C-alpha atoms as a PDB file:
ATOM      1  CA  MET A   1     -21.351  -5.567  -3.417  1.00  0.00           C
ATOM      2  CA  SER A   2     -17.682  -4.887  -2.806  1.00  0.00           C
ATOM      3  CA  ASP A   3     -15.566  -2.079  -4.209  1.00  0.00           C
ATOM      4  CA  ILE A   4     -12.234  -2.409  -5.977  1.00  0.00           C
ATOM      5  CA  ILE A   5      -9.507  -0.100  -4.676  1.00  0.00           C
ATOM      6  CA  LEU A   6      -6.410   0.365  -6.827  1.00  0.00           C
ATOM      7  CA  LEU A   7      -3.377   1.543  -4.873  1.00  0.00           C
ATOM      8  CA  ASP A   8      -0.761   3.807  -6.407  1.00  0.00           C
ATOM      9  CA  THR A   9       2.832   4.042  -5.167  1.00  0.00           C
ATOM     10  CA  GLY A  10       2.041   6.729  -2.544  1.00  0.00           C
ATOM     11  CA  PRO A  11      -0.301   4.740  -0.306  1.00  0.00           C
ATOM     12  CA  LEU A  12       1.448   1.480  -1.206  1.00  0.00           C
ATOM     13  CA  GLY A  13       4.746   2.945  -0.010  1.00  0.00           C
ATOM     14  CA  LEU A  14       3.144   3.983   3.272  1.00  0.00           C
ATOM     15  CA  ILE A  15       1.655   0.532   3.791  1.00  0.00           C
ATOM     16  CA  THR A  16       4.897  -1.344   3.074  1.00  0.00           C
ATOM     17  CA  HIS A  17       7.445   0.989   4.719  1.00  0.00           C
ATOM     18  CA  PRO A  18       9.405  -1.037   7.281  1.00  0.00           C
ATOM     19  CA  LEU A  19      10.010   1.811   9.757  1.00  0.00           C
ATOM     20  CA  GLY A  20       6.429   3.032   9.935  1.00  0.00           C
ATOM     21  CA  SER A  21       5.087   6.405  11.014  1.00  0.00           C
ATOM     22  CA  VAL A  22       1.808   7.850  12.225  1.00  0.00           C
ATOM     23  CA  GLU A  23       0.725   8.323   8.593  1.00  0.00           C
ATOM     24  CA  SER A  24       1.862   4.791   7.722  1.00  0.00           C
ATOM     25  CA  ASP A  25      -0.023   3.277  10.661  1.00  0.00           C
ATOM     26  CA  SER A  26      -3.148   5.210   9.695  1.00  0.00           C
ATOM     27  CA  CYS A  27      -2.899   3.980   6.103  1.00  0.00           C
ATOM     28  CA  ASN A  28      -2.462   0.385   7.288  1.00  0.00           C
ATOM     29  CA  LYS A  29      -5.537   0.646   9.502  1.00  0.00           C
ATOM     30  CA  TRP A  30      -7.534   2.070   6.602  1.00  0.00           C
ATOM     31  CA  MET A  31      -6.439  -0.762   4.299  1.00  0.00           C
ATOM     32  CA  GLN A  32      -7.296  -3.391   6.922  1.00  0.00           C
ATOM     33  CA  SER A  33     -10.762  -1.858   7.327  1.00  0.00           C
ATOM     34  CA  GLN A  34     -11.283  -2.010   3.561  1.00  0.00           C
ATOM     35  CA  ILE A  35     -10.333  -5.687   3.453  1.00  0.00           C
ATOM     36  CA  THR A  36     -12.495  -6.442   6.500  1.00  0.00           C
ATOM     37  CA  THR A  37     -15.540  -4.866   4.847  1.00  0.00           C
ATOM     38  CA  GLY A  38     -15.028  -7.056   1.781  1.00  0.00           C
ATOM     39  CA  ASN A  39     -13.446  -4.582  -0.599  1.00  0.00           C
ATOM     40  CA  HIS A  40     -10.699  -5.755  -2.943  1.00  0.00           C
ATOM     41  CA  VAL A  41      -7.382  -3.896  -2.732  1.00  0.00           C
ATOM     42  CA  LEU A  42      -5.304  -4.202  -5.900  1.00  0.00           C
ATOM     43  CA  VAL A  43      -1.884  -2.953  -6.957  1.00  0.00           C
ATOM     44  CA  ALA A  44      -0.949  -2.179 -10.562  1.00  0.00           C
ATOM     45  CA  GLY A  45       2.126  -4.012 -11.786  1.00  0.00           C
ATOM     46  CA  ILE A  46       3.923  -0.757 -12.604  1.00  0.00           C
ATOM     47  CA  ALA A  47       3.325   0.565  -9.073  1.00  0.00           C
ATOM     48  CA  ASP A  48       4.750  -2.657  -7.633  1.00  0.00           C
ATOM     49  CA  TYR A  49       7.788  -2.374  -9.898  1.00  0.00           C
ATOM     50  CA  GLU A  50       8.404   1.307  -9.080  1.00  0.00           C
ATOM     51  CA  LEU A  51       8.154   0.748  -5.343  1.00  0.00           C
ATOM     52  CA  ARG A  52      10.397  -2.331  -5.368  1.00  0.00           C
ATOM     53  CA  ARG A  53      12.982  -0.473  -7.473  1.00  0.00           C
ATOM     54  CA  GLU A  54      12.940   2.485  -5.083  1.00  0.00           C
ATOM     55  CA  MET A  55      13.338   0.197  -2.072  1.00  0.00           C
ATOM     56  CA  LEU A  56      16.301  -1.585  -3.692  1.00  0.00           C
ATOM     57  CA  LEU A  57      17.966   1.721  -4.554  1.00  0.00           C
ATOM     58  CA  ASN A  58      17.538   2.883  -0.940  1.00  0.00           C
ATOM     59  CA  GLY A  59      18.737  -0.406   0.544  1.00  0.00           C
ATOM     60  CA  ILE A  60      15.430  -1.186   2.247  1.00  0.00           C
END
């Protein structure tokens, strides 16, 4: 049985940040391990919207 993991803007921002960091790399590795083990990683529409808006405002 697989788990469903719902990402909020905090971890989603770390995973999608183009410059990366130690924390970002760690979060990406964690997410990859979750997908590899068969878990489903989901993103709420509002979290997607908020992150995209923030990236546009910051020119990323």
